Amino acid sequence: TIPAMRVLYQCIDFEPLRDPEFSQL
Protein backbone atom coordinates (compact mmCIF):
# COMPACT_ATOMS: atom_id res chain seq x y z
CA THR A 1 0.00 0.00 0.00
CA ILE A 2 2.62 2.58 0.97
CA PRO A 3 4.78 2.19 -2.17
CA ALA A 4 1.65 2.30 -4.34
CA MET A 5 0.45 5.45 -2.61
CA ARG A 6 3.87 7.07 -3.14
CA VAL A 7 3.73 6.30 -6.85
CA LEU A 8 0.18 7.65 -7.09
CA TYR A 9 1.14 10.74 -5.08
CA GLN A 10 4.04 11.49 -7.43
CA CYS A 11 2.06 10.70 -10.56
CA ILE A 12 -0.78 13.10 -9.81
CA ASP A 13 1.73 15.71 -8.60
CA PHE A 14 -0.23 16.38 -5.43
CA GLU A 15 0.85 19.13 -3.07
CA PRO A 16 -1.16 18.99 0.17
CA LEU A 17 -2.16 22.11 2.05
CA ARG A 18 0.25 22.51 4.95
CA ASP A 19 -1.09 23.09 8.43
CA PRO A 20 1.21 23.73 11.41
CA GLU A 21 -1.61 22.65 13.70
CA PHE A 22 -3.29 19.36 12.97
CA SER A 23 -6.71 20.18 11.62
CA GLN A 24 -9.23 17.50 10.74
CA LEU A 25 -10.93 19.83 8.27
PDB file of all heavy atoms in Angstrom:
ATOM      1  N   THR A   1       0.808  -1.207   0.000  1.00  0.00           N
ATOM      2  CA  THR A   1       0.000   0.000   0.000  1.00  0.00           C
ATOM      3  C   THR A   1       0.848   1.266   0.000  1.00  0.00           C
ATOM      4  O   THR A   1       0.606   2.176  -0.801  1.00  0.00           O
ATOM      5  CB  THR A   1      -0.944   0.014   1.216  1.00  0.00           C
ATOM      6  OG1 THR A   1      -1.840  -1.090   1.104  1.00  0.00           O
ATOM      7  CG2 THR A   1      -1.740   1.286   1.291  1.00  0.00           C
ATOM      8  N   ILE A   2       1.831   1.349   0.861  1.00  0.00           N
ATOM      9  CA  ILE A   2       2.622   2.582   0.971  1.00  0.00           C
ATOM     10  C   ILE A   2       3.407   2.866  -0.313  1.00  0.00           C
ATOM     11  O   ILE A   2       3.351   3.987  -0.822  1.00  0.00           O
ATOM     12  CB  ILE A   2       3.538   2.540   2.210  1.00  0.00           C
ATOM     13  CG1 ILE A   2       2.660   2.594   3.459  1.00  0.00           C
ATOM     14  CG2 ILE A   2       4.543   3.688   2.202  1.00  0.00           C
ATOM     15  CD1 ILE A   2       3.400   2.433   4.751  1.00  0.00           C
ATOM     16  N   PRO A   3       4.107   1.891  -0.899  1.00  0.00           N
ATOM     17  CA  PRO A   3       4.777   2.194  -2.170  1.00  0.00           C
ATOM     18  C   PRO A   3       3.794   2.585  -3.275  1.00  0.00           C
ATOM     19  O   PRO A   3       4.082   3.487  -4.068  1.00  0.00           O
ATOM     20  CB  PRO A   3       5.502   0.888  -2.523  1.00  0.00           C
ATOM     21  CG  PRO A   3       5.655   0.173  -1.245  1.00  0.00           C
ATOM     22  CD  PRO A   3       4.486   0.552  -0.406  1.00  0.00           C
ATOM     23  N   ALA A   4       2.637   1.948  -3.321  1.00  0.00           N
ATOM     24  CA  ALA A   4       1.647   2.296  -4.340  1.00  0.00           C
ATOM     25  C   ALA A   4       1.121   3.708  -4.138  1.00  0.00           C
ATOM     26  O   ALA A   4       0.925   4.457  -5.101  1.00  0.00           O
ATOM     27  CB  ALA A   4       0.494   1.296  -4.317  1.00  0.00           C
ATOM     28  N   MET A   5       0.908   4.092  -2.884  1.00  0.00           N
ATOM     29  CA  MET A   5       0.445   5.448  -2.606  1.00  0.00           C
ATOM     30  C   MET A   5       1.517   6.475  -2.965  1.00  0.00           C
ATOM     31  O   MET A   5       1.205   7.560  -3.455  1.00  0.00           O
ATOM     32  CB  MET A   5       0.044   5.585  -1.134  1.00  0.00           C
ATOM     33  CG  MET A   5      -1.207   4.835  -0.759  1.00  0.00           C
ATOM     34  SD  MET A   5      -2.647   5.346  -1.687  1.00  0.00           S
ATOM     35  CE  MET A   5      -2.886   6.984  -1.045  1.00  0.00           C
ATOM     36  N   ARG A   6       2.787   6.151  -2.744  1.00  0.00           N
ATOM     37  CA  ARG A   6       3.869   7.068  -3.138  1.00  0.00           C
ATOM     38  C   ARG A   6       3.880   7.285  -4.644  1.00  0.00           C
ATOM     39  O   ARG A   6       4.017   8.413  -5.113  1.00  0.00           O
ATOM     40  CB  ARG A   6       5.218   6.506  -2.696  1.00  0.00           C
ATOM     41  CG  ARG A   6       5.561   6.814  -1.295  1.00  0.00           C
ATOM     42  CD  ARG A   6       7.029   6.515  -1.032  1.00  0.00           C
ATOM     43  NE  ARG A   6       7.204   6.359   0.391  1.00  0.00           N
ATOM     44  CZ  ARG A   6       7.798   5.343   0.969  1.00  0.00           C
ATOM     45  NH1 ARG A   6       8.314   4.375   0.246  1.00  0.00           N
ATOM     46  NH2 ARG A   6       7.905   5.294   2.276  1.00  0.00           N
ATOM     47  N   VAL A   7       3.738   6.198  -5.388  1.00  0.00           N
ATOM     48  CA  VAL A   7       3.730   6.303  -6.846  1.00  0.00           C
ATOM     49  C   VAL A   7       2.541   7.131  -7.306  1.00  0.00           C
ATOM     50  O   VAL A   7       2.673   8.017  -8.165  1.00  0.00           O
ATOM     51  CB  VAL A   7       3.705   4.889  -7.488  1.00  0.00           C
ATOM     52  CG1 VAL A   7       3.428   4.965  -8.972  1.00  0.00           C
ATOM     53  CG2 VAL A   7       5.014   4.178  -7.212  1.00  0.00           C
ATOM     54  N   LEU A   8       1.375   6.883  -6.737  1.00  0.00           N
ATOM     55  CA  LEU A   8       0.179   7.649  -7.087  1.00  0.00           C
ATOM     56  C   LEU A   8       0.359   9.118  -6.727  1.00  0.00           C
ATOM     57  O   LEU A   8       0.035  10.012  -7.511  1.00  0.00           O
ATOM     58  CB  LEU A   8      -1.044   7.068  -6.378  1.00  0.00           C
ATOM     59  CG  LEU A   8      -2.377   7.767  -6.611  1.00  0.00           C
ATOM     60  CD1 LEU A   8      -2.741   7.755  -8.085  1.00  0.00           C
ATOM     61  CD2 LEU A   8      -3.470   7.101  -5.787  1.00  0.00           C
ATOM     62  N   TYR A   9       0.897   9.377  -5.561  1.00  0.00           N
ATOM     63  CA  TYR A   9       1.135  10.743  -5.081  1.00  0.00           C
ATOM     64  C   TYR A   9       2.043  11.501  -6.043  1.00  0.00           C
ATOM     65  O   TYR A   9       1.782  12.649  -6.393  1.00  0.00           O
ATOM     66  CB  TYR A   9       1.753  10.633  -3.684  1.00  0.00           C
ATOM     67  CG  TYR A   9       1.975  11.925  -2.947  1.00  0.00           C
ATOM     68  CD1 TYR A   9       0.942  12.530  -2.263  1.00  0.00           C
ATOM     69  CD2 TYR A   9       3.235  12.525  -2.907  1.00  0.00           C
ATOM     70  CE1 TYR A   9       1.142  13.705  -1.556  1.00  0.00           C
ATOM     71  CE2 TYR A   9       3.445  13.688  -2.209  1.00  0.00           C
ATOM     72  CZ  TYR A   9       2.395  14.276  -1.535  1.00  0.00           C
ATOM     73  OH  TYR A   9       2.592  15.435  -0.848  1.00  0.00           O
ATOM     74  N   GLN A  10       3.110  10.852  -6.494  1.00  0.00           N
ATOM     75  CA  GLN A  10       4.036  11.491  -7.425  1.00  0.00           C
ATOM     76  C   GLN A  10       3.423  11.647  -8.813  1.00  0.00           C
ATOM     77  O   GLN A  10       3.643  12.651  -9.487  1.00  0.00           O
ATOM     78  CB  GLN A  10       5.331  10.694  -7.508  1.00  0.00           C
ATOM     79  CG  GLN A  10       6.144  10.758  -6.240  1.00  0.00           C
ATOM     80  CD  GLN A  10       7.301   9.786  -6.252  1.00  0.00           C
ATOM     81  OE1 GLN A  10       7.412   8.928  -7.131  1.00  0.00           O
ATOM     82  NE2 GLN A  10       8.185   9.915  -5.268  1.00  0.00           N
ATOM     83  N   CYS A  11       2.650  10.669  -9.227  1.00  0.00           N
ATOM     84  CA  CYS A  11       2.061  10.697 -10.561  1.00  0.00           C
ATOM     85  C   CYS A  11       1.052  11.829 -10.705  1.00  0.00           C
ATOM     86  O   CYS A  11       1.027  12.510 -11.728  1.00  0.00           O
ATOM     87  CB  CYS A  11       1.403   9.351 -10.857  1.00  0.00           C
ATOM     88  SG  CYS A  11       0.680   9.232 -12.511  1.00  0.00           S
ATOM     89  N   ILE A  12       0.229  12.037  -9.699  1.00  0.00           N
ATOM     90  CA  ILE A  12      -0.776  13.102  -9.813  1.00  0.00           C
ATOM     91  C   ILE A  12      -0.210  14.459  -9.423  1.00  0.00           C
ATOM     92  O   ILE A  12      -0.886  15.469  -9.546  1.00  0.00           O
ATOM     93  CB  ILE A  12      -2.051  12.811  -8.990  1.00  0.00           C
ATOM     94  CG1 ILE A  12      -1.761  12.782  -7.497  1.00  0.00           C
ATOM     95  CG2 ILE A  12      -2.717  11.556  -9.452  1.00  0.00           C
ATOM     96  CD1 ILE A  12      -3.005  12.689  -6.649  1.00  0.00           C
ATOM     97  N   ASP A  13       1.048  14.480  -8.974  1.00  0.00           N
ATOM     98  CA  ASP A  13       1.729  15.713  -8.605  1.00  0.00           C
ATOM     99  C   ASP A  13       0.907  16.490  -7.577  1.00  0.00           C
ATOM    100  O   ASP A  13       0.559  17.652  -7.766  1.00  0.00           O
ATOM    101  CB  ASP A  13       1.999  16.566  -9.847  1.00  0.00           C
ATOM    102  CG  ASP A  13       2.974  17.681  -9.567  1.00  0.00           C
ATOM    103  OD1 ASP A  13       3.840  17.503  -8.686  1.00  0.00           O
ATOM    104  OD2 ASP A  13       2.867  18.738 -10.206  1.00  0.00           O
ATOM    105  N   PHE A  14       0.617  15.808  -6.476  1.00  0.00           N
ATOM    106  CA  PHE A  14      -0.231  16.377  -5.430  1.00  0.00           C
ATOM    107  C   PHE A  14       0.605  17.129  -4.415  1.00  0.00           C
ATOM    108  O   PHE A  14       1.614  16.627  -3.925  1.00  0.00           O
ATOM    109  CB  PHE A  14      -1.014  15.255  -4.739  1.00  0.00           C
ATOM    110  CG  PHE A  14      -1.872  15.722  -3.602  1.00  0.00           C
ATOM    111  CD1 PHE A  14      -2.976  16.518  -3.833  1.00  0.00           C
ATOM    112  CD2 PHE A  14      -1.566  15.360  -2.305  1.00  0.00           C
ATOM    113  CE1 PHE A  14      -3.768  16.947  -2.787  1.00  0.00           C
ATOM    114  CE2 PHE A  14      -2.362  15.776  -1.249  1.00  0.00           C
ATOM    115  CZ  PHE A  14      -3.461  16.579  -1.497  1.00  0.00           C
ATOM    116  N   GLU A  15       0.203  18.331  -4.114  1.00  0.00           N
ATOM    117  CA  GLU A  15       0.848  19.133  -3.074  1.00  0.00           C
ATOM    118  C   GLU A  15      -0.197  19.447  -2.011  1.00  0.00           C
ATOM    119  O   GLU A  15      -1.072  20.281  -2.220  1.00  0.00           O
ATOM    120  CB  GLU A  15       1.410  20.434  -3.674  1.00  0.00           C
ATOM    121  CG  GLU A  15       2.267  21.224  -2.722  1.00  0.00           C
ATOM    122  CD  GLU A  15       3.515  20.475  -2.277  1.00  0.00           C
ATOM    123  OE1 GLU A  15       4.115  19.759  -3.085  1.00  0.00           O
ATOM    124  OE2 GLU A  15       3.869  20.601  -1.086  1.00  0.00           O
ATOM    125  N   PRO A  16      -0.134  18.769  -0.854  1.00  0.00           N
ATOM    126  CA  PRO A  16      -1.160  18.995   0.170  1.00  0.00           C
ATOM    127  C   PRO A  16      -1.041  20.379   0.798  1.00  0.00           C
ATOM    128  O   PRO A  16       0.032  20.985   0.803  1.00  0.00           O
ATOM    129  CB  PRO A  16      -0.882  17.904   1.202  1.00  0.00           C
ATOM    130  CG  PRO A  16       0.555  17.598   1.035  1.00  0.00           C
ATOM    131  CD  PRO A  16       0.863  17.810  -0.430  1.00  0.00           C
ATOM    132  N   LEU A  17      -2.157  20.850   1.306  1.00  0.00           N
ATOM    133  CA  LEU A  17      -2.156  22.105   2.048  1.00  0.00           C
ATOM    134  C   LEU A  17      -1.467  21.857   3.387  1.00  0.00           C
ATOM    135  O   LEU A  17      -1.805  20.919   4.101  1.00  0.00           O
ATOM    136  CB  LEU A  17      -3.595  22.574   2.280  1.00  0.00           C
ATOM    137  CG  LEU A  17      -4.429  22.837   1.035  1.00  0.00           C
ATOM    138  CD1 LEU A  17      -5.878  23.101   1.434  1.00  0.00           C
ATOM    139  CD2 LEU A  17      -3.867  23.995   0.246  1.00  0.00           C
ATOM    140  N   ARG A  18      -0.501  22.676   3.707  1.00  0.00           N
ATOM    141  CA  ARG A  18       0.246  22.511   4.953  1.00  0.00           C
ATOM    142  C   ARG A  18      -0.503  23.183   6.090  1.00  0.00           C
ATOM    143  O   ARG A  18      -1.116  24.226   5.914  1.00  0.00           O
ATOM    144  CB  ARG A  18       1.641  23.120   4.838  1.00  0.00           C
ATOM    145  CG  ARG A  18       2.474  22.513   3.735  1.00  0.00           C
ATOM    146  CD  ARG A  18       2.904  21.131   4.104  1.00  0.00           C
ATOM    147  NE  ARG A  18       3.673  20.568   2.988  1.00  0.00           N
ATOM    148  CZ  ARG A  18       3.935  19.313   2.873  1.00  0.00           C
ATOM    149  NH1 ARG A  18       3.510  18.466   3.773  1.00  0.00           N
ATOM    150  NH2 ARG A  18       4.624  18.875   1.857  1.00  0.00           N
ATOM    151  N   ASP A  19      -0.419  22.551   7.251  1.00  0.00           N
ATOM    152  CA  ASP A  19      -1.085  23.087   8.426  1.00  0.00           C
ATOM    153  C   ASP A  19      -0.189  22.857   9.627  1.00  0.00           C
ATOM    154  O   ASP A  19       0.073  21.705   9.991  1.00  0.00           O
ATOM    155  CB  ASP A  19      -2.435  22.386   8.620  1.00  0.00           C
ATOM    156  CG  ASP A  19      -3.275  23.020   9.701  1.00  0.00           C
ATOM    157  OD1 ASP A  19      -2.927  24.120  10.152  1.00  0.00           O
ATOM    158  OD2 ASP A  19      -4.282  22.410  10.084  1.00  0.00           O
ATOM    159  N   PRO A  20       0.335  23.935  10.245  1.00  0.00           N
ATOM    160  CA  PRO A  20       1.208  23.733  11.405  1.00  0.00           C
ATOM    161  C   PRO A  20       0.481  23.058  12.564  1.00  0.00           C
ATOM    162  O   PRO A  20       1.075  22.291  13.304  1.00  0.00           O
ATOM    163  CB  PRO A  20       1.665  25.147  11.783  1.00  0.00           C
ATOM    164  CG  PRO A  20       0.763  26.081  11.053  1.00  0.00           C
ATOM    165  CD  PRO A  20       0.131  25.333   9.929  1.00  0.00           C
ATOM    166  N   GLU A  21      -0.795  23.330  12.702  1.00  0.00           N
ATOM    167  CA  GLU A  21      -1.610  22.653  13.699  1.00  0.00           C
ATOM    168  C   GLU A  21      -2.391  21.569  12.974  1.00  0.00           C
ATOM    169  O   GLU A  21      -2.832  21.760  11.860  1.00  0.00           O
ATOM    170  CB  GLU A  21      -2.589  23.631  14.345  1.00  0.00           C
ATOM    171  CG  GLU A  21      -1.923  24.786  15.031  1.00  0.00           C
ATOM    172  CD  GLU A  21      -2.944  25.813  15.491  1.00  0.00           C
ATOM    173  OE1 GLU A  21      -4.151  25.540  15.404  1.00  0.00           O
ATOM    174  OE2 GLU A  21      -2.525  26.885  15.924  1.00  0.00           O
ATOM    175  N   PHE A  22      -2.540  20.438  13.609  1.00  0.00           N
ATOM    176  CA  PHE A  22      -3.285  19.359  12.975  1.00  0.00           C
ATOM    177  C   PHE A  22      -4.768  19.710  12.962  1.00  0.00           C
ATOM    178  O   PHE A  22      -5.394  19.866  13.995  1.00  0.00           O
ATOM    179  CB  PHE A  22      -3.063  18.035  13.710  1.00  0.00           C
ATOM    180  CG  PHE A  22      -3.805  16.898  13.073  1.00  0.00           C
ATOM    181  CD1 PHE A  22      -3.372  16.362  11.882  1.00  0.00           C
ATOM    182  CD2 PHE A  22      -4.954  16.393  13.652  1.00  0.00           C
ATOM    183  CE1 PHE A  22      -4.053  15.327  11.288  1.00  0.00           C
ATOM    184  CE2 PHE A  22      -5.642  15.352  13.059  1.00  0.00           C
ATOM    185  CZ  PHE A  22      -5.184  14.825  11.879  1.00  0.00           C
ATOM    186  N   SER A  23      -5.309  19.833  11.781  1.00  0.00           N
ATOM    187  CA  SER A  23      -6.715  20.182  11.624  1.00  0.00           C
ATOM    188  C   SER A  23      -7.411  19.069  10.857  1.00  0.00           C
ATOM    189  O   SER A  23      -6.979  18.691   9.765  1.00  0.00           O
ATOM    190  CB  SER A  23      -6.841  21.500  10.870  1.00  0.00           C
ATOM    191  OG  SER A  23      -8.170  21.712  10.453  1.00  0.00           O
ATOM    192  N   GLN A  24      -8.486  18.557  11.423  1.00  0.00           N
ATOM    193  CA  GLN A  24      -9.227  17.496  10.744  1.00  0.00           C
ATOM    194  C   GLN A  24      -9.882  18.007   9.470  1.00  0.00           C
ATOM    195  O   GLN A  24      -9.996  17.275   8.492  1.00  0.00           O
ATOM    196  CB  GLN A  24     -10.264  16.897  11.675  1.00  0.00           C
ATOM    197  CG  GLN A  24      -9.643  16.108  12.798  1.00  0.00           C
ATOM    198  CD  GLN A  24     -10.683  15.493  13.709  1.00  0.00           C
ATOM    199  OE1 GLN A  24     -11.859  15.790  13.621  1.00  0.00           O
ATOM    200  NE2 GLN A  24     -10.238  14.624  14.589  1.00  0.00           N
ATOM    201  N   LEU A  25     -10.320  19.257   9.477  1.00  0.00           N
ATOM    202  CA  LEU A  25     -10.926  19.827   8.267  1.00  0.00           C
ATOM    203  C   LEU A  25      -9.893  19.967   7.153  1.00  0.00           C
ATOM    204  O   LEU A  25     -10.191  19.712   5.987  1.00  0.00           O
ATOM    205  CB  LEU A  25     -11.564  21.180   8.577  1.00  0.00           C
ATOM    206  CG  LEU A  25     -12.768  21.135   9.508  1.00  0.00           C
ATOM    207  CD1 LEU A  25     -13.262  22.537   9.804  1.00  0.00           C
ATOM    208  CD2 LEU A  25     -13.888  20.294   8.905  1.00  0.00           C
TER     209      LEU A  25
END
